[in-house]
């Protein structure tokens, strides 16, 4: 059947058919490309919302961690002060013991 059509069709008609097929292929390709390009911002917007949510959660965690570290630093400062006081007391006791001997 194709040999019959090929025999009846001349080169000008074949060239027009090939150009028509190429045109339709190009138009369909561009249409599909644009359909995907249109959907991309919606997907990126959703992903951006998820990233913002993660950033907010991480900021909260970091603030909590900073507060806990400040409390730990204050507790360490109190311990250092108590240790210094104990050292002074032990030195005093040591000095008194040496004076008694």
C-alpha atoms as a PDB file:
ATOM      1  CA  UNK A   1       0.000   0.000   0.000  1.00  0.00           C
ATOM      2  CA  UNK A   2       2.831   2.406   0.775  1.00  0.00           C
ATOM      3  CA  UNK A   3       4.446   1.656  -2.538  1.00  0.00           C
ATOM      4  CA  UNK A   4       1.233   2.627  -4.279  1.00  0.00           C
ATOM      5  CA  UNK A   5       1.065   5.918  -2.309  1.00  0.00           C
ATOM      6  CA  UNK A   6       4.720   6.583  -2.945  1.00  0.00           C
ATOM      7  CA  UNK A   7       4.311   5.965  -6.611  1.00  0.00           C
ATOM      8  CA  UNK A   8       1.317   8.304  -6.829  1.00  0.00           C
ATOM      9  CA  UNK A   9       2.869  11.058  -4.684  1.00  0.00           C
ATOM     10  CA  UNK A  10       5.342  13.458  -6.191  1.00  0.00           C
ATOM     11  CA  UNK A  11       8.241  15.161  -4.490  1.00  0.00           C
ATOM     12  CA  UNK A  12       6.462  18.458  -3.891  1.00  0.00           C
ATOM     13  CA  UNK A  13       3.600  16.725  -2.059  1.00  0.00           C
ATOM     14  CA  UNK A  14       6.068  14.587  -0.052  1.00  0.00           C
ATOM     15  CA  UNK A  15       8.055  17.689   0.943  1.00  0.00           C
ATOM     16  CA  UNK A  16       4.871  19.405   2.097  1.00  0.00           C
ATOM     17  CA  UNK A  17       3.869  16.299   4.090  1.00  0.00           C
ATOM     18  CA  UNK A  18       7.316  16.112   5.739  1.00  0.00           C
ATOM     19  CA  UNK A  19       7.199  19.828   6.570  1.00  0.00           C
ATOM     20  CA  UNK A  20       3.695  19.405   8.021  1.00  0.00           C
ATOM     21  CA  UNK A  21       4.801  16.484  10.189  1.00  0.00           C
ATOM     22  CA  UNK A  22       7.867  18.425  11.350  1.00  0.00           C
ATOM     23  CA  UNK A  23       5.708  21.482  12.144  1.00  0.00           C
ATOM     24  CA  UNK A  24       3.224  19.416  14.167  1.00  0.00           C
ATOM     25  CA  UNK A  25       6.079  17.698  16.021  1.00  0.00           C
ATOM     26  CA  UNK A  26       7.687  21.036  16.879  1.00  0.00           C
ATOM     27  CA  UNK A  27       4.394  22.571  18.024  1.00  0.00           C
ATOM     28  CA  UNK A  28       3.607  19.539  20.212  1.00  0.00           C
ATOM     29  CA  UNK A  29       7.120  19.587  21.680  1.00  0.00           C
ATOM     30  CA  UNK A  30       6.898  23.281  22.552  1.00  0.00           C
ATOM     31  CA  UNK A  31       3.410  22.818  24.013  1.00  0.00           C
ATOM     32  CA  UNK A  32       4.550  19.941  26.228  1.00  0.00           C
ATOM     33  CA  UNK A  33       7.677  21.881  27.232  1.00  0.00           C
ATOM     34  CA  UNK A  34       5.595  24.881  28.274  1.00  0.00           C
ATOM     35  CA  UNK A  35       3.136  22.710  30.196  1.00  0.00           C
ATOM     36  CA  UNK A  36       5.983  21.334  32.299  1.00  0.00           C
ATOM     37  CA  UNK A  37       7.550  24.788  32.667  1.00  0.00           C
ATOM     38  CA  UNK A  38       4.216  26.142  33.938  1.00  0.00           C
ATOM     39  CA  UNK A  39       3.964  23.425  36.602  1.00  0.00           C
ATOM     40  CA  UNK A  40       7.537  23.918  37.820  1.00  0.00           C
ATOM     41  CA  UNK A  41       6.971  27.132  39.847  1.00  0.00           C
ATOM     42  CA  UNK A  42       4.137  25.471  41.761  1.00  0.00           C
ATOM     43  CA  UNK A  43       6.407  22.629  42.756  1.00  0.00           C
ATOM     44  CA  UNK A  44       9.208  25.018  43.665  1.00  0.00           C
ATOM     45  CA  UNK A  45       6.824  27.117  45.769  1.00  0.00           C
ATOM     46  CA  UNK A  46       5.766  24.059  47.729  1.00  0.00           C
ATOM     47  CA  UNK A  47       9.401  23.067  48.250  1.00  0.00           C
ATOM     48  CA  UNK A  48      10.258  26.609  49.361  1.00  0.00           C
ATOM     49  CA  UNK A  49       7.496  26.460  51.989  1.00  0.00           C
ATOM     50  CA  UNK A  50       8.961  23.220  53.328  1.00  0.00           C
ATOM     51  CA  UNK A  51      12.431  24.787  53.470  1.00  0.00           C
ATOM     52  CA  UNK A  52      11.062  27.828  55.300  1.00  0.00           C
ATOM     53  CA  UNK A  53       9.362  25.540  57.802  1.00  0.00           C
ATOM     54  CA  UNK A  54      12.629  23.668  58.371  1.00  0.00           C
ATOM     55  CA  UNK A  55      14.528  26.931  58.790  1.00  0.00           C
ATOM     56  CA  UNK A  56      11.991  28.126  61.369  1.00  0.00           C
ATOM     57  CA  UNK A  57      12.284  24.848  63.281  1.00  0.00           C
ATOM     58  CA  UNK A  58      16.082  24.980  63.174  1.00  0.00           C
ATOM     59  CA  UNK A  59      16.037  28.589  64.377  1.00  0.00           C
ATOM     60  CA  UNK A  60      13.871  27.600  67.335  1.00  0.00           C
ATOM     61  CA  UNK A  61      16.158  24.682  68.173  1.00  0.00           C
ATOM     62  CA  UNK A  62      19.221  26.909  67.912  1.00  0.00           C
ATOM     63  CA  UNK A  63      17.663  29.514  70.218  1.00  0.00           C
ATOM     64  CA  UNK A  64      16.789  26.806  72.754  1.00  0.00           C
ATOM     65  CA  UNK A  65      20.316  25.425  72.555  1.00  0.00           C
ATOM     66  CA  UNK A  66      21.787  28.894  73.051  1.00  0.00           C
ATOM     67  CA  UNK A  67      19.617  29.442  76.136  1.00  0.00           C
ATOM     68  CA  UNK A  68      20.670  26.075  77.591  1.00  0.00           C
ATOM     69  CA  UNK A  69      24.343  26.865  76.932  1.00  0.00           C
ATOM     70  CA  UNK A  70      23.980  30.202  78.707  1.00  0.00           C
ATOM     71  CA  UNK A  71      22.470  28.431  81.713  1.00  0.00           C
ATOM     72  CA  UNK A  72      25.319  25.909  81.668  1.00  0.00           C
ATOM     73  CA  UNK A  73      27.880  28.746  81.526  1.00  0.00           C
ATOM     74  CA  UNK A  74      26.236  30.441  84.502  1.00  0.00           C
ATOM     75  CA  UNK A  75      26.273  27.178  86.455  1.00  0.00           C
ATOM     76  CA  UNK A  76      29.963  26.705  85.604  1.00  0.00           C
ATOM     77  CA  UNK A  77      30.732  30.237  86.766  1.00  0.00           C
ATOM     78  CA  UNK A  78      29.012  29.497  90.096  1.00  0.00           C
ATOM     79  CA  UNK A  79      30.985  26.265  90.431  1.00  0.00           C
ATOM     80  CA  UNK A  80      34.237  28.110  89.725  1.00  0.00           C
ATOM     81  CA  UNK A  81      33.384  30.671  92.405  1.00  0.00           C
ATOM     82  CA  UNK A  82      32.580  27.889  94.899  1.00  0.00           C
ATOM     83  CA  UNK A  83      35.825  26.059  94.046  1.00  0.00           C
ATOM     84  CA  UNK A  84      37.810  29.274  94.516  1.00  0.00           C
ATOM     85  CA  UNK A  85      36.104  29.783  97.903  1.00  0.00           C
ATOM     86  CA  UNK A  86      36.893  26.194  98.899  1.00  0.00           C
ATOM     87  CA  UNK A  87      40.535  26.680  97.857  1.00  0.00           C
ATOM     88  CA  UNK A  88      40.740  29.785 100.031  1.00  0.00           C
ATOM     89  CA  UNK A  89      39.198  27.874 102.930  1.00  0.00           C
ATOM     90  CA  UNK A  90      41.596  24.931 102.505  1.00  0.00           C
ATOM     91  CA  UNK A  91      44.560  27.326 102.328  1.00  0.00           C
ATOM     92  CA  UNK A  92      43.379  28.963 105.538  1.00  0.00           C
ATOM     93  CA  UNK A  93      42.979  25.589 107.254  1.00  0.00           C
ATOM     94  CA  UNK A  94      46.397  24.523 105.930  1.00  0.00           C
ATOM     95  CA  UNK A  95      47.962  27.767 107.223  1.00  0.00           C
ATOM     96  CA  UNK A  96      46.370  27.278 110.679  1.00  0.00           C
ATOM     97  CA  UNK A  97      47.571  23.655 110.854  1.00  0.00           C
ATOM     98  CA  UNK A  98      51.134  24.713 110.005  1.00  0.00           C
ATOM     99  CA  UNK A  99      50.951  27.439 112.665  1.00  0.00           C
ATOM    100  CA  UNK A 100      49.802  24.889 115.264  1.00  0.00           C
ATOM    101  CA  UNK A 101      52.691  22.536 114.565  1.00  0.00           C
END
